[in-house]
Amino acid sequence: MRPSAHDDRIWTVAGAKAKLSEVIERAQSVPQTITRNGKPSVVVVSAEEWQRKTARKGSLAEFLMDSPLRGAGLDLDRERDEPRDLPL
């Protein structure tokens, strides 16, 4: 998505520095993108949104048990080859 020149969610680095309080305030309700050299560089989101996006959703065991590949009959036996000699 190419940002439009008048999109109020897109900031240049200079603009974000000059109006950091406003960037933070707006990020409470909608992510704010900061561009560098005309390209999106970072996105500022609220702490609540960050926590929601990064929260662990169950354990690894639960993830594996819920896998659509569970029971697919995959052969996961490890090869028992001898270690190879590496030059020193």
N, C-alpha and C. Protein backbone atom coordinates (compact mmCIF):
# COMPACT_ATOMS: atom_id res chain seq x y z
N MET A 1 0.85 -1.18 0.00
CA MET A 1 0.00 0.00 0.00
C MET A 1 0.88 1.23 0.00
N ARG A 2 0.74 2.05 -0.96
CA ARG A 2 1.51 3.30 -1.06
C ARG A 2 0.77 4.39 -0.30
N PRO A 3 1.43 5.04 0.67
CA PRO A 3 0.74 6.08 1.44
C PRO A 3 0.39 7.28 0.59
N SER A 4 -0.78 7.83 0.84
CA SER A 4 -1.15 9.06 0.13
C SER A 4 -0.59 10.26 0.88
N ALA A 5 -0.43 11.35 0.18
CA ALA A 5 0.20 12.53 0.77
C ALA A 5 -0.64 13.13 1.89
N HIS A 6 -1.94 12.87 1.91
CA HIS A 6 -2.80 13.49 2.91
C HIS A 6 -3.37 12.47 3.91
N ASP A 7 -2.80 11.30 3.98
CA ASP A 7 -3.25 10.28 4.93
C ASP A 7 -2.82 10.70 6.33
N ASP A 8 -3.77 10.87 7.25
CA ASP A 8 -3.43 11.36 8.60
C ASP A 8 -2.86 10.26 9.50
N ARG A 9 -2.60 9.07 8.95
CA ARG A 9 -1.95 8.01 9.72
C ARG A 9 -0.49 7.84 9.30
N ILE A 10 -0.04 8.64 8.34
CA ILE A 10 1.32 8.56 7.81
C ILE A 10 2.09 9.81 8.21
N TRP A 11 3.28 9.59 8.78
CA TRP A 11 4.12 10.69 9.24
C TRP A 11 5.53 10.53 8.67
N THR A 12 6.17 11.64 8.35
CA THR A 12 7.60 11.61 8.07
C THR A 12 8.31 11.59 9.42
N VAL A 13 9.58 11.26 9.43
CA VAL A 13 10.34 11.28 10.68
C VAL A 13 10.31 12.69 11.28
N ALA A 14 10.54 13.68 10.45
CA ALA A 14 10.54 15.07 10.93
C ALA A 14 9.18 15.45 11.50
N GLY A 15 8.11 15.09 10.80
CA GLY A 15 6.76 15.39 11.27
C GLY A 15 6.44 14.69 12.58
N ALA A 16 6.86 13.42 12.70
CA ALA A 16 6.62 12.67 13.93
C ALA A 16 7.39 13.26 15.10
N LYS A 17 8.63 13.71 14.84
CA LYS A 17 9.42 14.35 15.91
C LYS A 17 8.74 15.63 16.38
N ALA A 18 8.27 16.41 15.43
CA ALA A 18 7.67 17.70 15.76
C ALA A 18 6.34 17.55 16.49
N LYS A 19 5.64 16.44 16.24
CA LYS A 19 4.31 16.27 16.83
C LYS A 19 4.19 14.90 17.51
N LEU A 20 5.22 14.53 18.26
CA LEU A 20 5.25 13.21 18.90
C LEU A 20 4.03 12.97 19.78
N SER A 21 3.61 13.97 20.54
CA SER A 21 2.44 13.81 21.40
C SER A 21 1.20 13.46 20.58
N GLU A 22 1.05 14.08 19.43
CA GLU A 22 -0.10 13.79 18.57
C GLU A 22 0.00 12.39 17.97
N VAL A 23 1.21 11.98 17.58
CA VAL A 23 1.41 10.63 17.05
C VAL A 23 1.00 9.61 18.11
N ILE A 24 1.44 9.82 19.34
CA ILE A 24 1.11 8.91 20.44
C ILE A 24 -0.38 8.89 20.69
N GLU A 25 -1.00 10.06 20.73
CA GLU A 25 -2.44 10.15 20.98
C GLU A 25 -3.23 9.41 19.90
N ARG A 26 -2.88 9.61 18.65
CA ARG A 26 -3.59 8.94 17.55
C ARG A 26 -3.35 7.43 17.56
N ALA A 27 -2.15 7.02 17.99
CA ALA A 27 -1.82 5.59 18.01
C ALA A 27 -2.65 4.83 19.04
N GLN A 28 -3.28 5.54 19.96
CA GLN A 28 -4.15 4.88 20.93
C GLN A 28 -5.36 4.25 20.26
N SER A 29 -5.75 4.78 19.10
CA SER A 29 -6.93 4.24 18.43
C SER A 29 -6.63 3.60 17.07
N VAL A 30 -5.58 4.06 16.40
CA VAL A 30 -5.24 3.49 15.09
C VAL A 30 -3.72 3.55 14.89
N PRO A 31 -3.11 2.48 14.38
CA PRO A 31 -1.65 2.49 14.17
C PRO A 31 -1.21 3.67 13.30
N GLN A 32 -0.04 4.22 13.65
CA GLN A 32 0.54 5.36 12.93
C GLN A 32 1.84 4.91 12.28
N THR A 33 1.99 5.19 11.00
CA THR A 33 3.18 4.78 10.25
C THR A 33 4.13 5.96 10.11
N ILE A 34 5.40 5.71 10.39
CA ILE A 34 6.43 6.74 10.21
C ILE A 34 7.28 6.30 9.03
N THR A 35 7.45 7.21 8.08
CA THR A 35 8.21 6.89 6.87
C THR A 35 9.60 7.50 6.93
N ARG A 36 10.51 6.86 6.22
CA ARG A 36 11.87 7.38 6.05
C ARG A 36 12.18 7.28 4.56
N ASN A 37 12.60 8.38 3.98
CA ASN A 37 12.88 8.44 2.54
C ASN A 37 11.69 7.98 1.72
N GLY A 38 10.48 8.33 2.18
CA GLY A 38 9.26 8.02 1.45
C GLY A 38 8.76 6.60 1.58
N LYS A 39 9.44 5.77 2.37
CA LYS A 39 9.04 4.37 2.53
C LYS A 39 8.67 4.10 3.98
N PRO A 40 7.62 3.29 4.23
CA PRO A 40 7.26 2.96 5.61
C PRO A 40 8.46 2.37 6.35
N SER A 41 8.72 2.88 7.55
CA SER A 41 9.87 2.45 8.33
C SER A 41 9.44 1.77 9.63
N VAL A 42 8.53 2.41 10.37
CA VAL A 42 8.04 1.85 11.63
C VAL A 42 6.55 2.15 11.78
N VAL A 43 5.92 1.37 12.65
CA VAL A 43 4.51 1.60 12.97
C VAL A 43 4.41 1.77 14.48
N VAL A 44 3.73 2.83 14.90
CA VAL A 44 3.52 3.10 16.32
C VAL A 44 2.11 2.63 16.66
N VAL A 45 2.03 1.74 17.67
CA VAL A 45 0.74 1.25 18.14
C VAL A 45 0.63 1.46 19.63
N SER A 46 -0.57 1.39 20.15
CA SER A 46 -0.77 1.53 21.59
C SER A 46 -0.16 0.34 22.31
N ALA A 47 0.17 0.54 23.59
CA ALA A 47 0.72 -0.55 24.40
C ALA A 47 -0.29 -1.69 24.49
N GLU A 48 -1.56 -1.37 24.55
CA GLU A 48 -2.62 -2.40 24.61
C GLU A 48 -2.61 -3.25 23.34
N GLU A 49 -2.51 -2.60 22.19
CA GLU A 49 -2.47 -3.33 20.91
C GLU A 49 -1.21 -4.19 20.83
N TRP A 50 -0.07 -3.67 21.26
CA TRP A 50 1.18 -4.44 21.24
C TRP A 50 1.06 -5.68 22.11
N GLN A 51 0.51 -5.53 23.31
CA GLN A 51 0.32 -6.68 24.20
C GLN A 51 -0.59 -7.72 23.57
N ARG A 52 -1.65 -7.26 22.93
CA ARG A 52 -2.60 -8.18 22.29
C ARG A 52 -1.93 -8.96 21.17
N LYS A 53 -1.11 -8.27 20.36
CA LYS A 53 -0.45 -8.90 19.22
C LYS A 53 0.68 -9.84 19.63
N THR A 54 1.33 -9.57 20.76
CA THR A 54 2.50 -10.36 21.14
C THR A 54 2.22 -11.37 22.25
N ALA A 55 0.98 -11.42 22.73
CA ALA A 55 0.65 -12.34 23.82
C ALA A 55 0.78 -13.79 23.36
N ARG A 56 1.36 -14.60 24.22
CA ARG A 56 1.48 -16.04 23.93
C ARG A 56 0.09 -16.66 23.93
N LYS A 57 -0.15 -17.46 22.93
CA LYS A 57 -1.45 -18.10 22.80
C LYS A 57 -1.30 -19.60 22.96
N GLY A 58 -1.10 -20.04 24.20
CA GLY A 58 -0.96 -21.46 24.47
C GLY A 58 0.50 -21.89 24.47
N SER A 59 0.71 -23.15 24.80
CA SER A 59 2.05 -23.71 24.88
C SER A 59 2.44 -24.34 23.55
N LEU A 60 3.71 -24.68 23.41
CA LEU A 60 4.18 -25.38 22.22
C LEU A 60 3.48 -26.72 22.09
N ALA A 61 3.29 -27.41 23.20
CA ALA A 61 2.60 -28.70 23.17
C ALA A 61 1.18 -28.55 22.63
N GLU A 62 0.47 -27.50 23.07
CA GLU A 62 -0.89 -27.26 22.58
C GLU A 62 -0.88 -26.95 21.08
N PHE A 63 0.10 -26.18 20.65
CA PHE A 63 0.22 -25.85 19.23
C PHE A 63 0.41 -27.12 18.41
N LEU A 64 1.32 -27.98 18.87
CA LEU A 64 1.58 -29.22 18.13
C LEU A 64 0.38 -30.16 18.15
N MET A 65 -0.32 -30.22 19.27
CA MET A 65 -1.50 -31.08 19.37
C MET A 65 -2.62 -30.59 18.45
N ASP A 66 -2.70 -29.29 18.23
CA ASP A 66 -3.75 -28.70 17.39
C ASP A 66 -3.36 -28.64 15.91
N SER A 67 -2.16 -29.09 15.58
CA SER A 67 -1.67 -29.00 14.21
C SER A 67 -2.55 -29.78 13.24
N PRO A 68 -2.82 -29.20 12.08
CA PRO A 68 -3.59 -29.95 11.07
C PRO A 68 -2.81 -31.14 10.53
N LEU A 69 -1.51 -31.20 10.78
CA LEU A 69 -0.70 -32.33 10.32
C LEU A 69 -0.71 -33.49 11.31
N ARG A 70 -1.29 -33.27 12.48
CA ARG A 70 -1.36 -34.34 13.48
C ARG A 70 -2.15 -35.51 12.89
N GLY A 71 -1.55 -36.68 12.97
CA GLY A 71 -2.21 -37.87 12.45
C GLY A 71 -2.07 -38.03 10.95
N ALA A 72 -1.22 -37.23 10.31
CA ALA A 72 -1.06 -37.30 8.86
C ALA A 72 -0.12 -38.41 8.44
N GLY A 73 0.47 -39.10 9.41
CA GLY A 73 1.35 -40.22 9.08
C GLY A 73 2.71 -39.81 8.56
N LEU A 74 3.19 -38.66 8.98
CA LEU A 74 4.51 -38.21 8.56
C LEU A 74 5.59 -39.09 9.17
N ASP A 75 6.62 -39.41 8.41
CA ASP A 75 7.74 -40.20 8.90
C ASP A 75 8.78 -39.23 9.46
N LEU A 76 8.86 -39.15 10.77
CA LEU A 76 9.75 -38.19 11.40
C LEU A 76 10.93 -38.86 12.11
N ASP A 77 11.24 -40.09 11.71
CA ASP A 77 12.37 -40.79 12.31
C ASP A 77 13.66 -40.08 11.93
N ARG A 78 14.56 -39.96 12.90
CA ARG A 78 15.84 -39.30 12.68
C ARG A 78 16.81 -40.28 12.02
N GLU A 79 17.57 -39.75 11.08
CA GLU A 79 18.61 -40.56 10.43
C GLU A 79 19.70 -40.87 11.44
N ARG A 80 20.23 -42.06 11.40
CA ARG A 80 21.26 -42.49 12.35
C ARG A 80 22.62 -42.63 11.65
N ASP A 81 22.90 -41.78 10.70
CA ASP A 81 24.17 -41.81 9.98
C ASP A 81 25.33 -41.50 10.93
N GLU A 82 26.50 -41.97 10.53
CA GLU A 82 27.72 -41.65 11.27
C GLU A 82 28.08 -40.19 11.01
N PRO A 83 28.70 -39.53 11.98
CA PRO A 83 29.12 -38.15 11.74
C PRO A 83 30.18 -38.10 10.64
N ARG A 84 30.17 -37.05 9.89
CA ARG A 84 31.15 -36.93 8.80
C ARG A 84 32.41 -36.24 9.29
N ASP A 85 33.52 -36.56 8.67
CA ASP A 85 34.80 -35.94 9.01
C ASP A 85 34.86 -34.57 8.36
N LEU A 86 35.26 -33.59 9.14
CA LEU A 86 35.39 -32.22 8.63
C LEU A 86 36.87 -31.85 8.65
N PRO A 87 37.32 -31.14 7.62
CA PRO A 87 38.73 -30.71 7.60
C PRO A 87 38.98 -29.70 8.73
N LEU A 88 40.17 -29.78 9.27
CA LEU A 88 40.53 -28.84 10.36
C LEU A 88 41.10 -27.59 9.86
